[in-house]
Amino acid sequence: MKRFLSGLLALVMVVSIGLTGCAAGDSANGISGNYQADTLALVGSLRNAITMADSDPAKRAAQADARAKINSYASHYRRDTRVAGLNSYTTMRTALNSLAAHYSAYPNRPVPEKLQKRLETEFRQVEAALNRGA
């Protein structure tokens, strides 16, 4: 009986710790599960990281935060069939891939003006698509 209870207690602890870890999910990186709100929040965060002055001491932290949010957003919505076909999602993924590639290849260099303009255009397209509901 003692062995059964200790095994049951261990199982309950494993399940509760596992569920607690799953419940935490992506909330640390600002992912709430509301696609439209998450996308708009990510656009705002990325705009902030891109437009910061190179001399700003918070720029490195903003870039690191942007990379973490990109990864969290991509992993959360990648397999969500409700959003995978939306124009806003495909355009957002294009922008995220471009920015993530720049941060991976050139972590110490500022985002080039040409890429900034392209990202801003894509962000506006994403916002317009979200306003349309697409």
N, C-alpha and C. Protein backbone atom coordinates (compact mmCIF):
# COMPACT_ATOMS: atom_id res chain seq x y z
N MET A 1 0.82 -1.19 0.00
CA MET A 1 0.00 0.00 0.00
C MET A 1 0.87 1.26 0.00
N LYS A 2 1.94 1.23 0.80
CA LYS A 2 2.83 2.38 0.88
C LYS A 2 3.48 2.64 -0.48
N ARG A 3 3.87 1.59 -1.16
CA ARG A 3 4.48 1.73 -2.48
C ARG A 3 3.49 2.31 -3.49
N PHE A 4 2.24 1.87 -3.41
CA PHE A 4 1.20 2.37 -4.31
C PHE A 4 0.97 3.86 -4.10
N LEU A 5 0.88 4.29 -2.84
CA LEU A 5 0.65 5.71 -2.53
C LEU A 5 1.83 6.58 -2.97
N SER A 6 3.05 6.10 -2.76
CA SER A 6 4.21 6.90 -3.18
C SER A 6 4.27 7.00 -4.71
N GLY A 7 3.90 5.92 -5.40
CA GLY A 7 3.84 5.97 -6.86
C GLY A 7 2.75 6.90 -7.35
N LEU A 8 1.60 6.88 -6.69
CA LEU A 8 0.50 7.77 -7.05
C LEU A 8 0.88 9.23 -6.80
N LEU A 9 1.51 9.49 -5.68
CA LEU A 9 1.96 10.84 -5.37
C LEU A 9 2.96 11.34 -6.41
N ALA A 10 3.89 10.48 -6.80
CA ALA A 10 4.88 10.86 -7.82
C ALA A 10 4.20 11.16 -9.15
N LEU A 11 3.21 10.36 -9.52
CA LEU A 11 2.48 10.59 -10.76
C LEU A 11 1.72 11.91 -10.73
N VAL A 12 1.07 12.19 -9.60
CA VAL A 12 0.34 13.45 -9.46
C VAL A 12 1.29 14.64 -9.56
N MET A 13 2.45 14.53 -8.95
CA MET A 13 3.42 15.63 -9.01
C MET A 13 3.93 15.85 -10.43
N VAL A 14 4.22 14.78 -11.14
CA VAL A 14 4.70 14.90 -12.52
C VAL A 14 3.64 15.54 -13.40
N VAL A 15 2.41 15.11 -13.25
CA VAL A 15 1.32 15.67 -14.06
C VAL A 15 1.10 17.13 -13.72
N SER A 16 1.11 17.49 -12.45
CA SER A 16 0.87 18.89 -12.08
C SER A 16 2.01 19.79 -12.56
N ILE A 17 3.23 19.33 -12.45
CA ILE A 17 4.36 20.13 -12.94
C ILE A 17 4.31 20.25 -14.46
N GLY A 18 3.96 19.17 -15.13
CA GLY A 18 3.84 19.21 -16.58
C GLY A 18 2.76 20.15 -17.05
N LEU A 19 1.61 20.13 -16.39
CA LEU A 19 0.52 21.02 -16.78
C LEU A 19 0.83 22.47 -16.46
N THR A 20 1.53 22.70 -15.37
CA THR A 20 1.93 24.06 -15.04
C THR A 20 2.88 24.60 -16.09
N GLY A 21 3.81 23.79 -16.54
CA GLY A 21 4.75 24.20 -17.59
C GLY A 21 4.04 24.47 -18.89
N CYS A 22 3.04 23.67 -19.23
CA CYS A 22 2.28 23.87 -20.46
C CYS A 22 1.41 25.11 -20.38
N ALA A 23 0.88 25.38 -19.21
CA ALA A 23 0.00 26.53 -19.04
C ALA A 23 0.78 27.83 -19.17
N ALA A 24 2.05 27.82 -18.77
CA ALA A 24 2.85 29.03 -18.87
C ALA A 24 3.03 29.42 -20.32
N GLY A 25 3.19 28.42 -21.20
CA GLY A 25 3.24 28.62 -22.64
C GLY A 25 4.10 29.78 -23.07
N ASP A 26 3.52 30.66 -23.88
CA ASP A 26 4.25 31.77 -24.45
C ASP A 26 3.89 33.09 -23.80
N SER A 27 3.22 33.06 -22.66
CA SER A 27 2.81 34.30 -22.03
C SER A 27 4.00 35.15 -21.62
N ALA A 28 5.15 34.53 -21.40
CA ALA A 28 6.34 35.29 -21.04
C ALA A 28 6.79 36.18 -22.20
N ASN A 29 6.50 35.78 -23.42
CA ASN A 29 6.89 36.56 -24.58
C ASN A 29 5.71 37.31 -25.19
N GLY A 30 4.64 37.45 -24.46
CA GLY A 30 3.54 38.27 -24.91
C GLY A 30 2.56 37.58 -25.84
N ILE A 31 2.59 36.27 -25.96
CA ILE A 31 1.65 35.56 -26.83
C ILE A 31 0.44 35.16 -25.99
N SER A 32 -0.72 35.69 -26.35
CA SER A 32 -1.93 35.44 -25.57
C SER A 32 -2.84 34.40 -26.20
N GLY A 33 -2.65 34.13 -27.48
CA GLY A 33 -3.54 33.22 -28.19
C GLY A 33 -4.56 33.96 -29.04
N ASN A 34 -4.67 35.27 -28.85
CA ASN A 34 -5.54 36.10 -29.68
C ASN A 34 -4.69 36.57 -30.87
N TYR A 35 -4.92 35.97 -32.03
CA TYR A 35 -4.05 36.20 -33.19
C TYR A 35 -3.93 37.68 -33.55
N GLN A 36 -5.05 38.36 -33.64
CA GLN A 36 -5.02 39.76 -34.07
C GLN A 36 -4.25 40.62 -33.07
N ALA A 37 -4.53 40.47 -31.79
CA ALA A 37 -3.84 41.25 -30.78
C ALA A 37 -2.35 40.92 -30.72
N ASP A 38 -2.03 39.63 -30.82
CA ASP A 38 -0.62 39.23 -30.79
C ASP A 38 0.14 39.78 -31.98
N THR A 39 -0.48 39.75 -33.15
CA THR A 39 0.18 40.24 -34.36
C THR A 39 0.43 41.74 -34.27
N LEU A 40 -0.58 42.49 -33.84
CA LEU A 40 -0.41 43.94 -33.72
C LEU A 40 0.64 44.29 -32.66
N ALA A 41 0.64 43.56 -31.56
CA ALA A 41 1.65 43.81 -30.52
C ALA A 41 3.05 43.51 -31.04
N LEU A 42 3.19 42.44 -31.80
CA LEU A 42 4.50 42.08 -32.36
C LEU A 42 4.95 43.12 -33.38
N VAL A 43 4.04 43.60 -34.20
CA VAL A 43 4.40 44.65 -35.17
C VAL A 43 4.92 45.88 -34.43
N GLY A 44 4.23 46.29 -33.38
CA GLY A 44 4.66 47.45 -32.60
C GLY A 44 6.03 47.24 -31.97
N SER A 45 6.25 46.06 -31.43
CA SER A 45 7.53 45.74 -30.80
C SER A 45 8.67 45.73 -31.82
N LEU A 46 8.40 45.16 -33.00
CA LEU A 46 9.43 45.10 -34.03
C LEU A 46 9.73 46.49 -34.59
N ARG A 47 8.69 47.29 -34.76
CA ARG A 47 8.93 48.67 -35.22
C ARG A 47 9.84 49.40 -34.25
N ASN A 48 9.58 49.22 -32.96
CA ASN A 48 10.39 49.86 -31.94
C ASN A 48 11.84 49.40 -32.03
N ALA A 49 12.06 48.10 -32.17
CA ALA A 49 13.42 47.56 -32.24
C ALA A 49 14.16 48.02 -33.49
N ILE A 50 13.43 48.14 -34.59
CA ILE A 50 14.05 48.52 -35.86
C ILE A 50 14.42 49.99 -35.89
N THR A 51 13.56 50.84 -35.32
CA THR A 51 13.76 52.28 -35.44
C THR A 51 14.61 52.89 -34.33
N MET A 52 15.04 52.10 -33.37
CA MET A 52 15.89 52.64 -32.30
C MET A 52 17.22 53.11 -32.88
N ALA A 53 17.73 54.17 -32.32
CA ALA A 53 19.03 54.69 -32.75
C ALA A 53 20.12 53.69 -32.40
N ASP A 54 21.14 53.61 -33.23
CA ASP A 54 22.25 52.67 -33.00
C ASP A 54 22.99 52.99 -31.71
N SER A 55 22.99 54.25 -31.32
CA SER A 55 23.70 54.65 -30.10
C SER A 55 22.89 54.38 -28.83
N ASP A 56 21.63 54.02 -28.97
CA ASP A 56 20.77 53.76 -27.81
C ASP A 56 21.26 52.51 -27.09
N PRO A 57 21.54 52.61 -25.79
CA PRO A 57 22.03 51.44 -25.06
C PRO A 57 20.99 50.32 -24.93
N ALA A 58 19.73 50.64 -25.10
CA ALA A 58 18.67 49.63 -25.00
C ALA A 58 18.44 48.87 -26.31
N LYS A 59 19.17 49.24 -27.35
CA LYS A 59 18.94 48.62 -28.66
C LYS A 59 19.25 47.12 -28.64
N ARG A 60 20.32 46.72 -28.02
CA ARG A 60 20.66 45.29 -27.96
C ARG A 60 19.57 44.49 -27.25
N ALA A 61 19.09 45.04 -26.16
CA ALA A 61 18.03 44.35 -25.42
C ALA A 61 16.75 44.28 -26.25
N ALA A 62 16.45 45.36 -26.98
CA ALA A 62 15.26 45.37 -27.83
C ALA A 62 15.38 44.35 -28.96
N GLN A 63 16.58 44.21 -29.53
CA GLN A 63 16.79 43.23 -30.58
C GLN A 63 16.67 41.81 -30.05
N ALA A 64 17.22 41.57 -28.88
CA ALA A 64 17.11 40.24 -28.27
C ALA A 64 15.66 39.91 -27.95
N ASP A 65 14.93 40.91 -27.45
CA ASP A 65 13.51 40.72 -27.16
C ASP A 65 12.73 40.47 -28.45
N ALA A 66 13.09 41.18 -29.50
CA ALA A 66 12.42 40.99 -30.80
C ALA A 66 12.65 39.57 -31.32
N ARG A 67 13.87 39.08 -31.21
CA ARG A 67 14.16 37.71 -31.66
C ARG A 67 13.37 36.69 -30.86
N ALA A 68 13.28 36.89 -29.56
CA ALA A 68 12.52 35.96 -28.72
C ALA A 68 11.04 35.99 -29.08
N LYS A 69 10.52 37.19 -29.33
CA LYS A 69 9.10 37.31 -29.70
C LYS A 69 8.83 36.71 -31.07
N ILE A 70 9.75 36.88 -31.99
CA ILE A 70 9.60 36.28 -33.32
C ILE A 70 9.52 34.76 -33.19
N ASN A 71 10.44 34.19 -32.41
CA ASN A 71 10.44 32.74 -32.23
C ASN A 71 9.17 32.25 -31.56
N SER A 72 8.74 32.97 -30.54
CA SER A 72 7.54 32.58 -29.81
C SER A 72 6.30 32.68 -30.70
N TYR A 73 6.18 33.76 -31.45
CA TYR A 73 5.04 33.97 -32.34
C TYR A 73 5.01 32.89 -33.43
N ALA A 74 6.16 32.65 -34.02
CA ALA A 74 6.23 31.66 -35.10
C ALA A 74 5.89 30.27 -34.60
N SER A 75 6.41 29.90 -33.45
CA SER A 75 6.14 28.56 -32.93
C SER A 75 4.69 28.41 -32.49
N HIS A 76 4.08 29.49 -32.03
CA HIS A 76 2.69 29.41 -31.58
C HIS A 76 1.71 29.31 -32.74
N TYR A 77 1.92 30.10 -33.79
CA TYR A 77 0.93 30.17 -34.87
C TYR A 77 1.29 29.34 -36.10
N ARG A 78 2.44 28.73 -36.13
CA ARG A 78 2.88 27.96 -37.30
C ARG A 78 1.90 26.87 -37.69
N ARG A 79 1.40 26.14 -36.72
CA ARG A 79 0.52 25.01 -37.02
C ARG A 79 -0.95 25.32 -36.79
N ASP A 80 -1.27 26.55 -36.57
CA ASP A 80 -2.67 26.94 -36.35
C ASP A 80 -3.36 27.08 -37.71
N THR A 81 -4.19 26.12 -38.05
CA THR A 81 -4.82 26.11 -39.38
C THR A 81 -5.82 27.25 -39.56
N ARG A 82 -6.28 27.83 -38.46
CA ARG A 82 -7.23 28.96 -38.58
C ARG A 82 -6.55 30.21 -39.13
N VAL A 83 -5.27 30.36 -38.91
CA VAL A 83 -4.58 31.58 -39.35
C VAL A 83 -3.58 31.32 -40.48
N ALA A 84 -3.24 30.07 -40.73
CA ALA A 84 -2.19 29.75 -41.71
C ALA A 84 -2.50 30.26 -43.11
N GLY A 85 -3.76 30.33 -43.50
CA GLY A 85 -4.11 30.78 -44.84
C GLY A 85 -4.44 32.25 -44.95
N LEU A 86 -4.38 32.98 -43.86
CA LEU A 86 -4.72 34.40 -43.89
C LEU A 86 -3.61 35.21 -44.56
N ASN A 87 -4.02 36.23 -45.31
CA ASN A 87 -3.03 37.11 -45.95
C ASN A 87 -2.14 37.79 -44.92
N SER A 88 -2.75 38.19 -43.81
CA SER A 88 -1.97 38.88 -42.78
C SER A 88 -0.89 37.95 -42.22
N TYR A 89 -1.20 36.67 -42.07
CA TYR A 89 -0.23 35.73 -41.52
C TYR A 89 0.92 35.48 -42.49
N THR A 90 0.62 35.26 -43.76
CA THR A 90 1.68 34.98 -44.72
C THR A 90 2.59 36.20 -44.91
N THR A 91 1.99 37.38 -44.91
CA THR A 91 2.80 38.60 -45.03
C THR A 91 3.65 38.80 -43.78
N MET A 92 3.07 38.52 -42.63
CA MET A 92 3.80 38.66 -41.37
C MET A 92 4.96 37.67 -41.32
N ARG A 93 4.74 36.46 -41.75
CA ARG A 93 5.81 35.46 -41.76
C ARG A 93 6.96 35.90 -42.69
N THR A 94 6.62 36.50 -43.83
CA THR A 94 7.65 37.00 -44.74
C THR A 94 8.50 38.06 -44.03
N ALA A 95 7.84 38.98 -43.35
CA ALA A 95 8.56 40.03 -42.63
C ALA A 95 9.41 39.44 -41.51
N LEU A 96 8.84 38.51 -40.77
CA LEU A 96 9.58 37.90 -39.66
C LEU A 96 10.79 37.13 -40.16
N ASN A 97 10.63 36.40 -41.25
CA ASN A 97 11.76 35.65 -41.80
C ASN A 97 12.87 36.59 -42.25
N SER A 98 12.51 37.69 -42.86
CA SER A 98 13.52 38.66 -43.32
C SER A 98 14.29 39.25 -42.14
N LEU A 99 13.56 39.66 -41.13
CA LEU A 99 14.21 40.28 -39.98
C LEU A 99 15.02 39.26 -39.19
N ALA A 100 14.49 38.07 -39.00
CA ALA A 100 15.23 37.03 -38.28
C ALA A 100 16.50 36.65 -39.03
N ALA A 101 16.43 36.60 -40.35
CA ALA A 101 17.63 36.29 -41.14
C ALA A 101 18.69 37.37 -40.96
N HIS A 102 18.26 38.63 -40.93
CA HIS A 102 19.21 39.72 -40.74
C HIS A 102 19.85 39.61 -39.35
N TYR A 103 19.02 39.40 -38.32
CA TYR A 103 19.55 39.30 -36.96
C TYR A 103 20.49 38.10 -36.81
N SER A 104 20.24 37.03 -37.53
CA SER A 104 21.11 35.85 -37.43
C SER A 104 22.42 36.06 -38.18
N ALA A 105 22.33 36.65 -39.37
CA ALA A 105 23.53 36.82 -40.19
C ALA A 105 24.38 38.00 -39.75
N TYR A 106 23.75 39.07 -39.31
CA TYR A 106 24.47 40.30 -38.96
C TYR A 106 24.01 40.80 -37.59
N PRO A 107 24.32 40.10 -36.53
CA PRO A 107 23.79 40.49 -35.22
C PRO A 107 24.29 41.83 -34.70
N ASN A 108 25.43 42.28 -35.17
CA ASN A 108 26.01 43.53 -34.66
C ASN A 108 25.80 44.71 -35.60
N ARG A 109 25.13 44.48 -36.71
CA ARG A 109 24.92 45.56 -37.67
C ARG A 109 23.49 46.07 -37.61
N PRO A 110 23.31 47.35 -37.89
CA PRO A 110 21.94 47.88 -37.91
C PRO A 110 21.16 47.33 -39.10
N VAL A 111 19.85 47.38 -39.00
CA VAL A 111 19.00 46.93 -40.10
C VAL A 111 19.15 47.93 -41.24
N PRO A 112 19.50 47.47 -42.46
CA PRO A 112 19.70 48.39 -43.58
C PRO A 112 18.41 49.16 -43.91
N GLU A 113 18.58 50.33 -44.47
CA GLU A 113 17.44 51.20 -44.83
C GLU A 113 16.49 50.49 -45.79
N LYS A 114 17.05 49.77 -46.75
CA LYS A 114 16.22 49.07 -47.73
C LYS A 114 15.33 48.02 -47.04
N LEU A 115 15.91 47.28 -46.10
CA LEU A 115 15.13 46.28 -45.36
C LEU A 115 14.12 46.95 -44.45
N GLN A 116 14.49 48.08 -43.84
CA GLN A 116 13.54 48.81 -43.00
C GLN A 116 12.32 49.25 -43.79
N LYS A 117 12.55 49.77 -44.99
CA LYS A 117 11.43 50.21 -45.83
C LYS A 117 10.54 49.03 -46.22
N ARG A 118 11.17 47.92 -46.56
CA ARG A 118 10.39 46.73 -46.94
C ARG A 118 9.58 46.21 -45.76
N LEU A 119 10.19 46.17 -44.59
CA LEU A 119 9.48 45.71 -43.39
C LEU A 119 8.31 46.64 -43.06
N GLU A 120 8.54 47.93 -43.17
CA GLU A 120 7.46 48.88 -42.88
C GLU A 120 6.30 48.70 -43.85
N THR A 121 6.60 48.46 -45.11
CA THR A 121 5.55 48.20 -46.11
C THR A 121 4.78 46.93 -45.74
N GLU A 122 5.49 45.90 -45.36
CA GLU A 122 4.83 44.64 -44.99
C GLU A 122 4.02 44.80 -43.71
N PHE A 123 4.53 45.56 -42.76
CA PHE A 123 3.78 45.79 -41.52
C PHE A 123 2.47 46.54 -41.82
N ARG A 124 2.53 47.52 -42.72
CA ARG A 124 1.29 48.23 -43.10
C ARG A 124 0.31 47.30 -43.79
N GLN A 125 0.82 46.40 -44.63
CA GLN A 125 -0.04 45.43 -45.29
C GLN A 125 -0.69 44.48 -44.28
N VAL A 126 0.06 44.07 -43.28
CA VAL A 126 -0.46 43.21 -42.23
C VAL A 126 -1.57 43.92 -41.47
N GLU A 127 -1.33 45.18 -41.09
CA GLU A 127 -2.34 45.95 -40.36
C GLU A 127 -3.60 46.13 -41.19
N ALA A 128 -3.43 46.41 -42.47
CA ALA A 128 -4.60 46.58 -43.33
C ALA A 128 -5.37 45.26 -43.46
N ALA A 129 -4.66 44.16 -43.61
CA ALA A 129 -5.31 42.85 -43.72
C ALA A 129 -6.04 42.50 -42.43
N LEU A 130 -5.44 42.82 -41.29
CA LEU A 130 -6.11 42.55 -40.01
C LEU A 130 -7.38 43.40 -39.87
N ASN A 131 -7.33 44.63 -40.32
CA ASN A 131 -8.52 45.48 -40.27
C ASN A 131 -9.64 44.94 -41.15
N ARG A 132 -9.26 44.30 -42.26
CA ARG A 132 -10.24 43.68 -43.15
C ARG A 132 -10.72 42.34 -42.60
N GLY A 133 -9.96 41.77 -41.69
CA GLY A 133 -10.30 40.47 -41.15
C GLY A 133 -9.66 39.33 -41.92
N ALA A 134 -8.63 39.64 -42.68
CA ALA A 134 -7.97 38.61 -43.50
C ALA A 134 -6.62 38.26 -42.94
